[in-house]
N, C-alpha and C. Protein backbone atom coordinates (compact mmCIF):
# COMPACT_ATOMS: atom_id res chain seq x y z
N MET A 1 20.13 7.92 7.45
CA MET A 1 18.89 8.44 7.98
C MET A 1 19.17 9.62 8.92
N GLY A 2 20.21 9.49 9.71
CA GLY A 2 20.55 10.56 10.63
C GLY A 2 20.91 11.84 9.90
N GLN A 3 21.64 11.74 8.78
CA GLN A 3 22.03 12.91 8.01
C GLN A 3 20.83 13.61 7.39
N LEU A 4 19.77 12.88 7.17
CA LEU A 4 18.55 13.46 6.60
C LEU A 4 17.63 14.02 7.67
N GLY A 5 18.04 13.92 8.92
CA GLY A 5 17.20 14.40 10.01
C GLY A 5 16.11 13.43 10.40
N LEU A 6 16.27 12.18 10.01
CA LEU A 6 15.25 11.17 10.30
C LEU A 6 15.74 10.12 11.28
N GLY A 7 16.78 10.46 12.04
CA GLY A 7 17.38 9.50 12.97
C GLY A 7 16.40 8.91 13.95
N ARG A 8 15.50 9.72 14.47
CA ARG A 8 14.57 9.17 15.46
C ARG A 8 13.56 8.23 14.82
N GLN A 9 13.36 8.32 13.53
CA GLN A 9 12.45 7.41 12.83
C GLN A 9 13.13 6.10 12.48
N PHE A 10 14.46 6.12 12.35
CA PHE A 10 15.17 4.93 11.89
C PHE A 10 14.93 3.71 12.77
N GLY A 11 14.91 3.92 14.07
CA GLY A 11 14.68 2.80 14.98
C GLY A 11 13.35 2.12 14.74
N ARG A 12 12.37 2.87 14.29
CA ARG A 12 11.04 2.32 14.01
C ARG A 12 10.99 1.73 12.60
N LEU A 13 11.73 2.31 11.67
CA LEU A 13 11.69 1.86 10.28
C LEU A 13 12.50 0.59 10.05
N ALA A 14 13.67 0.51 10.66
CA ALA A 14 14.58 -0.61 10.40
C ALA A 14 13.93 -1.98 10.61
N PRO A 15 13.22 -2.23 11.71
CA PRO A 15 12.61 -3.55 11.88
C PRO A 15 11.55 -3.86 10.82
N ARG A 16 10.88 -2.84 10.32
CA ARG A 16 9.84 -3.08 9.31
C ARG A 16 10.46 -3.42 7.95
N LEU A 17 11.72 -3.03 7.75
CA LEU A 17 12.40 -3.34 6.49
C LEU A 17 13.25 -4.60 6.60
N ASP A 18 13.43 -5.09 7.81
CA ASP A 18 14.25 -6.27 8.05
C ASP A 18 13.69 -7.46 7.27
N GLY A 19 14.57 -8.21 6.67
CA GLY A 19 14.17 -9.40 5.93
C GLY A 19 13.96 -9.14 4.45
N ALA A 20 13.92 -7.88 4.05
CA ALA A 20 13.73 -7.56 2.64
C ALA A 20 15.02 -7.72 1.84
N PHE A 21 16.15 -7.72 2.54
CA PHE A 21 17.45 -7.84 1.88
C PHE A 21 18.25 -8.96 2.53
N ARG A 22 19.05 -9.63 1.72
CA ARG A 22 19.95 -10.65 2.25
C ARG A 22 21.15 -9.98 2.89
N ALA A 23 21.97 -10.75 3.55
CA ALA A 23 23.16 -10.22 4.23
C ALA A 23 24.10 -9.51 3.26
N ASP A 24 24.09 -9.92 1.99
CA ASP A 24 24.97 -9.28 1.00
C ASP A 24 24.35 -8.03 0.38
N GLY A 25 23.15 -7.63 0.85
CA GLY A 25 22.51 -6.41 0.38
C GLY A 25 21.60 -6.58 -0.82
N VAL A 26 21.49 -7.79 -1.34
CA VAL A 26 20.63 -8.07 -2.49
C VAL A 26 19.18 -8.23 -2.02
N PHE A 27 18.25 -7.64 -2.76
CA PHE A 27 16.84 -7.77 -2.42
C PHE A 27 16.43 -9.23 -2.44
N ALA A 28 15.69 -9.65 -1.43
CA ALA A 28 15.29 -11.05 -1.27
C ALA A 28 13.97 -11.31 -2.00
N HIS A 29 14.04 -11.48 -3.30
CA HIS A 29 12.84 -11.71 -4.12
C HIS A 29 12.11 -12.98 -3.72
N ASP A 30 12.82 -13.93 -3.16
CA ASP A 30 12.18 -15.18 -2.77
C ASP A 30 11.38 -15.05 -1.47
N ARG A 31 11.55 -13.94 -0.76
CA ARG A 31 10.82 -13.71 0.49
C ARG A 31 9.71 -12.68 0.35
N LEU A 32 9.84 -11.79 -0.63
CA LEU A 32 8.92 -10.67 -0.73
C LEU A 32 8.87 -10.17 -2.16
N ARG A 33 7.67 -9.94 -2.67
CA ARG A 33 7.56 -9.37 -4.01
C ARG A 33 8.01 -7.92 -3.98
N PHE A 34 8.75 -7.49 -5.00
CA PHE A 34 9.27 -6.14 -5.03
C PHE A 34 8.16 -5.10 -4.99
N VAL A 35 7.06 -5.34 -5.70
CA VAL A 35 5.96 -4.37 -5.70
C VAL A 35 5.36 -4.21 -4.30
N ASP A 36 5.31 -5.29 -3.53
CA ASP A 36 4.82 -5.21 -2.16
C ASP A 36 5.79 -4.43 -1.28
N PHE A 37 7.09 -4.68 -1.48
CA PHE A 37 8.12 -3.96 -0.74
C PHE A 37 8.03 -2.46 -1.01
N VAL A 38 7.93 -2.08 -2.27
CA VAL A 38 7.86 -0.67 -2.64
C VAL A 38 6.61 -0.02 -2.05
N ASP A 39 5.50 -0.72 -2.08
CA ASP A 39 4.26 -0.20 -1.49
C ASP A 39 4.43 0.02 0.02
N ASP A 40 5.06 -0.94 0.70
CA ASP A 40 5.30 -0.81 2.14
C ASP A 40 6.23 0.37 2.44
N VAL A 41 7.27 0.53 1.63
CA VAL A 41 8.21 1.64 1.84
C VAL A 41 7.51 2.98 1.62
N GLU A 42 6.65 3.06 0.61
CA GLU A 42 5.92 4.30 0.39
C GLU A 42 5.03 4.62 1.61
N ASP A 43 4.39 3.61 2.16
CA ASP A 43 3.57 3.82 3.37
C ASP A 43 4.43 4.34 4.52
N LEU A 44 5.61 3.74 4.69
CA LEU A 44 6.52 4.20 5.75
C LEU A 44 6.96 5.64 5.51
N LEU A 45 7.27 5.97 4.26
CA LEU A 45 7.69 7.33 3.94
C LEU A 45 6.57 8.33 4.18
N GLU A 46 5.35 7.93 3.89
CA GLU A 46 4.21 8.81 4.16
C GLU A 46 4.07 9.06 5.66
N ASP A 47 4.26 8.02 6.46
CA ASP A 47 4.20 8.18 7.93
C ASP A 47 5.28 9.15 8.41
N VAL A 48 6.49 8.98 7.90
CA VAL A 48 7.59 9.86 8.29
C VAL A 48 7.31 11.29 7.83
N ALA A 49 6.85 11.45 6.60
CA ALA A 49 6.55 12.79 6.07
C ALA A 49 5.47 13.47 6.92
N TRP A 50 4.49 12.70 7.33
CA TRP A 50 3.42 13.27 8.16
C TRP A 50 3.96 13.71 9.51
N GLN A 51 4.78 12.87 10.12
CA GLN A 51 5.33 13.19 11.44
C GLN A 51 6.33 14.33 11.37
N GLU A 52 7.13 14.38 10.33
CA GLU A 52 8.19 15.38 10.24
C GLU A 52 7.69 16.71 9.65
N GLN A 53 6.78 16.64 8.67
CA GLN A 53 6.38 17.84 7.96
C GLN A 53 4.88 18.11 8.00
N GLY A 54 4.11 17.15 8.54
CA GLY A 54 2.66 17.31 8.58
C GLY A 54 2.02 17.19 7.22
N ASP A 55 2.71 16.52 6.28
CA ASP A 55 2.21 16.42 4.91
C ASP A 55 2.60 15.09 4.30
N LYS A 56 1.63 14.20 4.12
CA LYS A 56 1.91 12.89 3.52
C LYS A 56 2.30 13.01 2.05
N LYS A 57 1.90 14.10 1.40
CA LYS A 57 2.14 14.24 -0.03
C LYS A 57 3.63 14.35 -0.38
N ALA A 58 4.46 14.58 0.62
CA ALA A 58 5.91 14.65 0.37
C ALA A 58 6.44 13.33 -0.18
N ALA A 59 5.73 12.24 0.08
CA ALA A 59 6.16 10.92 -0.40
C ALA A 59 5.41 10.48 -1.65
N ASP A 60 4.51 11.31 -2.14
CA ASP A 60 3.76 10.95 -3.34
C ASP A 60 4.70 10.71 -4.52
N GLY A 61 4.39 9.73 -5.29
CA GLY A 61 5.16 9.44 -6.49
C GLY A 61 6.30 8.46 -6.27
N PHE A 62 6.61 8.13 -5.01
CA PHE A 62 7.72 7.22 -4.75
C PHE A 62 7.49 5.86 -5.39
N GLU A 63 6.32 5.29 -5.14
CA GLU A 63 6.03 3.94 -5.67
C GLU A 63 6.09 3.93 -7.19
N GLU A 64 5.45 4.89 -7.82
CA GLU A 64 5.44 4.95 -9.28
C GLU A 64 6.86 5.11 -9.82
N PHE A 65 7.65 6.00 -9.23
CA PHE A 65 9.02 6.20 -9.68
C PHE A 65 9.83 4.92 -9.57
N MET A 66 9.76 4.26 -8.42
CA MET A 66 10.54 3.05 -8.20
C MET A 66 10.16 1.94 -9.18
N LEU A 67 8.87 1.76 -9.39
CA LEU A 67 8.43 0.68 -10.29
C LEU A 67 8.81 1.00 -11.73
N GLN A 68 8.75 2.25 -12.14
CA GLN A 68 9.16 2.61 -13.49
C GLN A 68 10.68 2.47 -13.65
N HIS A 69 11.41 2.90 -12.64
CA HIS A 69 12.86 2.89 -12.70
C HIS A 69 13.43 1.48 -12.70
N TYR A 70 12.84 0.58 -11.90
CA TYR A 70 13.38 -0.76 -11.74
C TYR A 70 12.57 -1.85 -12.45
N SER A 71 11.65 -1.46 -13.29
CA SER A 71 10.81 -2.48 -13.93
C SER A 71 11.57 -3.29 -14.98
N GLY A 72 12.75 -2.83 -15.35
CA GLY A 72 13.63 -3.59 -16.25
C GLY A 72 13.02 -3.72 -17.60
């Protein structure tokens, strides 16, 4: 996050993503539906895009891409 220039956002984002992954890095499907997780992450990215660039559209397409890419 720091390398992307989003270091100051990381402190706010990390707690909101906590619990979505197990200690081994595997997504915790038993705690959270993947589609809900992706929707939440897109919302977070829109917030960051708005704060950093003044444009929420920078995050448009994230949810659709992720669901298409990982729909198996």
